[in-house]
Amino acid sequence: MGFELPKEEATMRCVICKQGEIRPGTATVMLERNGMTLVVKSVPARVCENCGEEYVDEDVTARLLREAEDAARSGVQVDIREYVAA
């Protein structure tokens, strides 16, 4: 399953640097909670071509937060994962 931006968002400007255009890409996300650290690589994101600021969509963020909560409940202290599309 690919990651596609709607056409109207294809020319979105970065809200941080105000210079770069936002393009489809990936990010590495680190979440910490109650002494647990979860790192997820290859997360679908929109990335500024100028400054590298990463924007992760709401659905993906919700999934990452659920995974972090599950990891914390199961007693994980540190975990590094590769993002796999549902």
Protein backbone atom coordinates (compact mmCIF):
# COMPACT_ATOMS: atom_id res chain seq x y z
CA MET A 1 0.00 0.00 0.00
CA GLY A 2 1.60 3.27 -1.11
CA PHE A 3 1.56 6.64 0.54
CA GLU A 4 -0.03 9.29 -1.66
CA LEU A 5 -0.86 12.93 -1.05
CA PRO A 6 -4.08 14.42 -2.35
CA LYS A 7 -3.34 16.75 -5.29
CA GLU A 8 -4.23 19.93 -3.39
CA GLU A 9 -1.58 19.13 -0.76
CA ALA A 10 1.16 18.40 -3.30
CA THR A 11 2.41 22.02 -3.18
CA MET A 12 2.06 22.62 0.55
CA ARG A 13 4.78 24.82 2.07
CA CYS A 14 6.60 23.98 5.28
CA VAL A 15 5.18 25.80 8.30
CA ILE A 16 8.60 25.79 9.99
CA CYS A 17 11.00 27.22 7.37
CA LYS A 18 8.31 28.68 5.06
CA GLN A 19 10.63 27.91 2.13
CA GLY A 20 10.46 24.24 1.23
CA GLU A 21 7.71 22.23 -0.38
CA ILE A 22 6.35 19.21 1.46
CA ARG A 23 6.90 15.92 -0.37
CA PRO A 24 6.00 12.30 0.41
CA GLY A 25 8.73 10.50 2.30
CA THR A 26 9.43 8.61 5.50
CA ALA A 27 10.45 9.46 9.03
CA THR A 28 11.91 7.76 12.06
CA VAL A 29 9.65 8.37 15.06
CA MET A 30 10.74 7.97 18.69
CA LEU A 31 8.12 7.74 21.44
CA GLU A 32 8.87 7.63 25.17
CA ARG A 33 6.46 6.77 27.96
CA ASN A 34 6.95 5.64 31.55
CA GLY A 35 10.57 4.58 30.99
CA MET A 36 9.79 2.84 27.67
CA THR A 37 11.34 3.97 24.38
CA LEU A 38 9.86 2.91 21.04
CA VAL A 39 11.60 3.78 17.78
CA VAL A 40 9.70 3.18 14.54
CA LYS A 41 11.57 3.47 11.24
CA SER A 42 10.18 4.10 7.75
CA VAL A 43 6.99 5.80 8.97
CA PRO A 44 5.04 7.36 6.06
CA ALA A 45 5.32 11.13 6.38
CA ARG A 46 5.42 14.35 4.45
CA VAL A 47 8.90 15.86 4.60
CA CYS A 48 10.07 19.40 3.85
CA GLU A 49 12.59 19.33 1.03
CA ASN A 50 14.38 22.35 2.51
CA CYS A 51 14.67 21.84 6.29
CA GLY A 52 13.64 18.19 6.69
CA GLU A 53 10.68 18.87 9.02
CA GLU A 54 8.48 15.76 9.13
CA TYR A 55 4.69 15.71 9.18
CA VAL A 56 2.99 12.43 10.15
CA ASP A 57 -0.72 12.05 9.33
CA GLU A 58 -3.29 11.70 12.11
CA ASP A 59 -4.17 8.06 11.32
CA VAL A 60 -0.52 6.99 11.35
CA THR A 61 0.10 8.93 14.58
CA ALA A 62 -2.86 7.22 16.27
CA ARG A 63 -1.51 3.82 15.24
CA LEU A 64 1.97 4.65 16.56
CA LEU A 65 0.52 5.79 19.89
CA ARG A 66 -1.47 2.54 20.20
CA GLU A 67 1.70 0.52 19.50
CA ALA A 68 3.60 2.51 22.12
CA GLU A 69 0.85 1.97 24.68
CA ASP A 70 0.83 -1.78 23.96
CA ALA A 71 4.63 -1.94 24.26
CA ALA A 72 4.59 -0.07 27.59
CA ARG A 73 1.87 -2.37 28.97
CA SER A 74 3.84 -5.47 27.98
CA GLY A 75 6.91 -4.28 29.87
CA VAL A 76 9.12 -3.32 26.91
CA GLN A 77 11.91 -0.93 27.85
CA VAL A 78 13.46 -0.30 24.41
CA ASP A 79 12.15 -1.48 21.05
CA ILE A 80 13.12 -0.60 17.49
CA ARG A 81 10.62 -1.50 14.78
CA GLU A 82 10.09 -1.06 11.06
CA TYR A 83 6.72 0.48 10.13
CA VAL A 84 4.54 -2.00 8.24
CA ALA A 85 1.42 -0.69 6.49
CA ALA A 86 -1.78 -2.23 7.84
